[in-house]
Amino acid sequence: MERIHYHFPAEIDFERNYGYSADLRYLIKAVAGIHGKTGSSEFETPGPDIGAHQNMVRAKREVAVEISEKRMDFLPLTPQNLAAVLPTVQHHGMVDFRFTVKYSYFDKNFNKGVLQNDVFLVRATVDGNLNLQVAAVDGQGRTLPEEIANTIETQLKRFKG
């Protein structure tokens, strides 16, 4: 069964092909390891109201990863629920993910604040090679679509599973 999302956008913001010798299940195991990870360091970004105020805040990222479920919904993809997901995936084919990048920061009074999430849909196709298509579907663009592809690529290089 291909885990593709019915409403995947026709307009893609970023696409990259990779030489890839593993199967789709290996990719899903690696991507599950991204869920709940935070960026390695804080970064500067405009505050909560990008248009009105240009004050900068030091924010942290946290990534939530979900996998397409029954073409209409998404299911969290975590190392804990891999055993339930993997039997439903072919060795080759297509799978869609939703990456939600959440941002938090502390203001000058050390009160925690949150910024609007960036949401991306990622279509991975494995057929002897790996093709990643990334579409930004919501947010203010604090994270770029190619950064999502780079995160997946880095995780694949580091993953030992």
C-alpha atoms as a PDB file:
ATOM      1  CA  MET A   1       0.000   0.000   0.000  1.00  0.00           C
ATOM      2  CA  GLU A   2       1.335   3.408  -0.934  1.00  0.00           C
ATOM      3  CA  ARG A   3       0.923   5.965   1.817  1.00  0.00           C
ATOM      4  CA  ILE A   4       0.176   8.999  -0.340  1.00  0.00           C
ATOM      5  CA  HIS A   5      -1.906  12.014   0.604  1.00  0.00           C
ATOM      6  CA  TYR A   6      -4.900  12.865  -1.567  1.00  0.00           C
ATOM      7  CA  HIS A   7      -4.291  16.632  -1.313  1.00  0.00           C
ATOM      8  CA  PHE A   8      -0.571  16.704  -2.076  1.00  0.00           C
ATOM      9  CA  PRO A   9       0.048  20.028  -3.865  1.00  0.00           C
ATOM     10  CA  ALA A  10       0.729  20.092  -7.587  1.00  0.00           C
ATOM     11  CA  GLU A  11       3.152  23.002  -7.102  1.00  0.00           C
ATOM     12  CA  ILE A  12       6.430  21.801  -5.575  1.00  0.00           C
ATOM     13  CA  ASP A  13       8.793  24.269  -3.885  1.00  0.00           C
ATOM     14  CA  PHE A  14      11.893  22.049  -3.916  1.00  0.00           C
ATOM     15  CA  GLU A  15      12.868  18.754  -5.523  1.00  0.00           C
ATOM     16  CA  ARG A  16      16.049  16.692  -5.306  1.00  0.00           C
ATOM     17  CA  ASN A  17      17.140  13.245  -6.536  1.00  0.00           C
ATOM     18  CA  TYR A  18      19.610  11.039  -4.667  1.00  0.00           C
ATOM     19  CA  GLY A  19      21.498   7.897  -5.484  1.00  0.00           C
ATOM     20  CA  TYR A  20      19.887   5.506  -3.006  1.00  0.00           C
ATOM     21  CA  SER A  21      20.309   1.777  -2.579  1.00  0.00           C
ATOM     22  CA  ALA A  22      18.009   1.063   0.393  1.00  0.00           C
ATOM     23  CA  ASP A  23      14.256   0.503   0.364  1.00  0.00           C
ATOM     24  CA  LEU A  24      11.275   2.598   1.445  1.00  0.00           C
ATOM     25  CA  ARG A  25      11.067   0.914   4.846  1.00  0.00           C
ATOM     26  CA  TYR A  26      14.638   1.965   5.651  1.00  0.00           C
ATOM     27  CA  LEU A  27      13.755   5.553   4.695  1.00  0.00           C
ATOM     28  CA  ILE A  28      10.712   5.501   6.995  1.00  0.00           C
ATOM     29  CA  LYS A  29      12.807   4.182   9.901  1.00  0.00           C
ATOM     30  CA  ALA A  30      15.333   6.973   9.371  1.00  0.00           C
ATOM     31  CA  VAL A  31      12.684   9.703   9.058  1.00  0.00           C
ATOM     32  CA  ALA A  32      10.972   8.502  12.245  1.00  0.00           C
ATOM     33  CA  GLY A  33      14.186   9.399  14.064  1.00  0.00           C
ATOM     34  CA  ILE A  34      13.688  13.068  13.151  1.00  0.00           C
ATOM     35  CA  HIS A  35      10.416  13.348  15.126  1.00  0.00           C
ATOM     36  CA  GLY A  36      10.853  15.451  18.257  1.00  0.00           C
ATOM     37  CA  LYS A  37      14.366  16.615  17.381  1.00  0.00           C
ATOM     38  CA  THR A  38      15.386  20.202  17.938  1.00  0.00           C
ATOM     39  CA  GLY A  39      17.846  22.276  15.999  1.00  0.00           C
ATOM     40  CA  SER A  40      21.457  22.124  17.092  1.00  0.00           C
ATOM     41  CA  SER A  41      21.435  25.783  18.033  1.00  0.00           C
ATOM     42  CA  GLU A  42      19.216  28.803  18.405  1.00  0.00           C
ATOM     43  CA  PHE A  43      18.765  31.083  15.434  1.00  0.00           C
ATOM     44  CA  GLU A  44      17.670  34.691  15.038  1.00  0.00           C
ATOM     45  CA  THR A  45      14.329  35.328  13.396  1.00  0.00           C
ATOM     46  CA  PRO A  46      11.749  38.123  13.340  1.00  0.00           C
ATOM     47  CA  GLY A  47       9.407  38.152  16.343  1.00  0.00           C
ATOM     48  CA  PRO A  48       5.805  36.954  16.435  1.00  0.00           C
ATOM     49  CA  ASP A  49       4.408  39.711  14.228  1.00  0.00           C
ATOM     50  CA  ILE A  50       6.674  39.594  11.196  1.00  0.00           C
ATOM     51  CA  GLY A  51       4.891  42.428   9.357  1.00  0.00           C
ATOM     52  CA  ALA A  52       4.470  45.002  12.124  1.00  0.00           C
ATOM     53  CA  HIS A  53       7.594  44.536  14.228  1.00  0.00           C
ATOM     54  CA  GLN A  54      11.078  43.831  13.089  1.00  0.00           C
ATOM     55  CA  ASN A  55      12.365  42.907  16.545  1.00  0.00           C
ATOM     56  CA  MET A  56      14.436  39.755  16.419  1.00  0.00           C
ATOM     57  CA  VAL A  57      14.175  36.819  18.812  1.00  0.00           C
ATOM     58  CA  ARG A  58      16.435  33.845  19.421  1.00  0.00           C
ATOM     59  CA  ALA A  59      14.255  30.852  18.657  1.00  0.00           C
ATOM     60  CA  LYS A  60      14.595  27.070  18.751  1.00  0.00           C
ATOM     61  CA  ARG A  61      13.063  24.621  16.312  1.00  0.00           C
ATOM     62  CA  GLU A  62      11.350  21.324  17.060  1.00  0.00           C
ATOM     63  CA  VAL A  63      10.244  18.999  14.272  1.00  0.00           C
ATOM     64  CA  ALA A  64       7.146  16.806  14.307  1.00  0.00           C
ATOM     65  CA  VAL A  65       6.944  14.158  11.557  1.00  0.00           C
ATOM     66  CA  GLU A  66       3.777  12.431  10.399  1.00  0.00           C
ATOM     67  CA  ILE A  67       3.108   9.848   7.698  1.00  0.00           C
ATOM     68  CA  SER A  68       0.102   9.716   5.402  1.00  0.00           C
ATOM     69  CA  GLU A  69      -2.745   7.500   6.627  1.00  0.00           C
ATOM     70  CA  LYS A  70      -5.635   6.347   4.411  1.00  0.00           C
ATOM     71  CA  ARG A  71      -4.914   9.105   1.846  1.00  0.00           C
ATOM     72  CA  MET A  72      -6.765  11.743   3.899  1.00  0.00           C
ATOM     73  CA  ASP A  73      -5.026  12.064   7.246  1.00  0.00           C
ATOM     74  CA  PHE A  74      -1.638  11.859   8.901  1.00  0.00           C
ATOM     75  CA  LEU A  75      -0.365   9.666  11.724  1.00  0.00           C
ATOM     76  CA  PRO A  76       2.589  10.685  13.943  1.00  0.00           C
ATOM     77  CA  LEU A  77       5.730   8.873  12.817  1.00  0.00           C
ATOM     78  CA  THR A  78       7.798   8.117  15.887  1.00  0.00           C
ATOM     79  CA  PRO A  79      10.250   5.332  16.741  1.00  0.00           C
ATOM     80  CA  GLN A  80       7.567   3.993  19.112  1.00  0.00           C
ATOM     81  CA  ASN A  81       4.917   3.406  16.420  1.00  0.00           C
ATOM     82  CA  LEU A  82       7.208   2.100  13.664  1.00  0.00           C
ATOM     83  CA  ALA A  83       6.188  -1.511  14.327  1.00  0.00           C
ATOM     84  CA  ALA A  84       2.600  -0.630  13.369  1.00  0.00           C
ATOM     85  CA  VAL A  85       3.536   1.423  10.286  1.00  0.00           C
ATOM     86  CA  LEU A  86       6.227  -0.693   8.576  1.00  0.00           C
ATOM     87  CA  PRO A  87       4.071  -3.747   7.700  1.00  0.00           C
ATOM     88  CA  THR A  88       1.784  -1.447   5.685  1.00  0.00           C
ATOM     89  CA  VAL A  89       4.611  -0.179   3.437  1.00  0.00           C
ATOM     90  CA  GLN A  90       6.010  -1.745   0.265  1.00  0.00           C
ATOM     91  CA  HIS A  91       9.751  -1.939  -0.362  1.00  0.00           C
ATOM     92  CA  HIS A  92       9.522   0.505  -3.273  1.00  0.00           C
ATOM     93  CA  GLY A  93       6.999   3.152  -4.181  1.00  0.00           C
ATOM     94  CA  MET A  94       5.766   6.440  -2.778  1.00  0.00           C
ATOM     95  CA  VAL A  95       5.089   7.809   0.677  1.00  0.00           C
ATOM     96  CA  ASP A  96       4.022  11.262   1.869  1.00  0.00           C
ATOM     97  CA  PHE A  97       5.130  12.896   5.103  1.00  0.00           C
ATOM     98  CA  ARG A  98       4.036  16.047   6.876  1.00  0.00           C
ATOM     99  CA  PHE A  99       6.808  17.947   8.653  1.00  0.00           C
ATOM    100  CA  THR A 100       5.701  20.568  11.163  1.00  0.00           C
ATOM    101  CA  VAL A 101       8.473  22.844  12.361  1.00  0.00           C
ATOM    102  CA  LYS A 102       7.510  24.397  15.696  1.00  0.00           C
ATOM    103  CA  TYR A 103       9.289  27.463  17.062  1.00  0.00           C
ATOM    104  CA  SER A 104       9.674  28.686  20.626  1.00  0.00           C
ATOM    105  CA  TYR A 105      11.632  31.501  22.217  1.00  0.00           C
ATOM    106  CA  PHE A 106      12.067  33.355  25.497  1.00  0.00           C
ATOM    107  CA  ASP A 107      11.378  37.085  25.590  1.00  0.00           C
ATOM    108  CA  LYS A 108      13.404  39.653  27.527  1.00  0.00           C
ATOM    109  CA  ASN A 109      11.429  38.775  30.697  1.00  0.00           C
ATOM    110  CA  PHE A 110      12.155  35.048  30.209  1.00  0.00           C
ATOM    111  CA  ASN A 111       8.544  34.290  29.325  1.00  0.00           C
ATOM    112  CA  LYS A 112       8.252  31.467  26.795  1.00  0.00           C
ATOM    113  CA  GLY A 113       6.606  32.409  23.527  1.00  0.00           C
ATOM    114  CA  VAL A 114       5.733  30.478  20.408  1.00  0.00           C
ATOM    115  CA  LEU A 115       5.827  31.498  16.778  1.00  0.00           C
ATOM    116  CA  GLN A 116       3.641  30.288  13.926  1.00  0.00           C
ATOM    117  CA  ASN A 117       4.596  26.789  12.740  1.00  0.00           C
ATOM    118  CA  ASP A 118       5.911  26.079   9.263  1.00  0.00           C
ATOM    119  CA  VAL A 119       4.274  23.030   7.661  1.00  0.00           C
ATOM    120  CA  PHE A 120       5.672  21.059   4.729  1.00  0.00           C
ATOM    121  CA  LEU A 121       4.428  18.079   2.759  1.00  0.00           C
ATOM    122  CA  VAL A 122       7.188  15.789   1.532  1.00  0.00           C
ATOM    123  CA  ARG A 123       6.720  13.113  -1.110  1.00  0.00           C
ATOM    124  CA  ALA A 124       9.421  10.457  -1.204  1.00  0.00           C
ATOM    125  CA  THR A 125       9.621   8.101  -4.165  1.00  0.00           C
ATOM    126  CA  VAL A 126      11.940   5.087  -4.015  1.00  0.00           C
ATOM    127  CA  ASP A 127      12.471   3.210  -7.276  1.00  0.00           C
ATOM    128  CA  GLY A 128      16.180   2.464  -7.362  1.00  0.00           C
ATOM    129  CA  ASN A 129      16.844   6.116  -6.507  1.00  0.00           C
ATOM    130  CA  LEU A 130      15.291   8.479  -3.993  1.00  0.00           C
ATOM    131  CA  ASN A 131      13.325  11.505  -5.157  1.00  0.00           C
ATOM    132  CA  LEU A 132      12.180  14.061  -2.555  1.00  0.00           C
ATOM    133  CA  GLN A 133       9.557  16.671  -3.390  1.00  0.00           C
ATOM    134  CA  VAL A 134       8.930  19.332  -0.743  1.00  0.00           C
ATOM    135  CA  ALA A 135       5.997  21.750  -0.708  1.00  0.00           C
ATOM    136  CA  ALA A 136       5.528  24.481   1.903  1.00  0.00           C
ATOM    137  CA  VAL A 137       1.819  24.470   2.779  1.00  0.00           C
ATOM    138  CA  ASP A 138       1.590  26.802   5.797  1.00  0.00           C
ATOM    139  CA  GLY A 139       3.663  29.193   7.853  1.00  0.00           C
ATOM    140  CA  GLN A 140       5.832  32.255   7.537  1.00  0.00           C
ATOM    141  CA  GLY A 141       8.850  30.600   5.918  1.00  0.00           C
ATOM    142  CA  ARG A 142      11.270  30.634   8.832  1.00  0.00           C
ATOM    143  CA  THR A 143      12.482  27.258   7.528  1.00  0.00           C
ATOM    144  CA  LEU A 144      13.071  26.749   3.809  1.00  0.00           C
ATOM    145  CA  PRO A 145      11.875  23.681   1.864  1.00  0.00           C
ATOM    146  CA  GLU A 146      15.463  22.722   0.992  1.00  0.00           C
ATOM    147  CA  GLU A 147      16.287  22.661   4.718  1.00  0.00           C
ATOM    148  CA  ILE A 148      13.686  19.899   5.130  1.00  0.00           C
ATOM    149  CA  ALA A 149      15.328  17.877   2.328  1.00  0.00           C
ATOM    150  CA  ASN A 150      18.758  18.534   3.887  1.00  0.00           C
ATOM    151  CA  THR A 151      17.478  17.301   7.262  1.00  0.00           C
ATOM    152  CA  ILE A 152      16.271  14.048   5.697  1.00  0.00           C
ATOM    153  CA  GLU A 153      19.569  13.637   3.825  1.00  0.00           C
ATOM    154  CA  THR A 154      21.601  14.215   7.017  1.00  0.00           C
ATOM    155  CA  GLN A 155      19.428  11.761   8.950  1.00  0.00           C
ATOM    156  CA  LEU A 156      19.931   9.106   6.261  1.00  0.00           C
ATOM    157  CA  LYS A 157      23.717   9.551   6.466  1.00  0.00           C
ATOM    158  CA  ARG A 158      23.724   9.235  10.276  1.00  0.00           C
ATOM    159  CA  PHE A 159      21.050   6.547  10.633  1.00  0.00           C
ATOM    160  CA  LYS A 160      22.212   3.089  11.562  1.00  0.00           C
ATOM    161  CA  GLY A 161      19.177   0.868  11.494  1.00  0.00           C
END
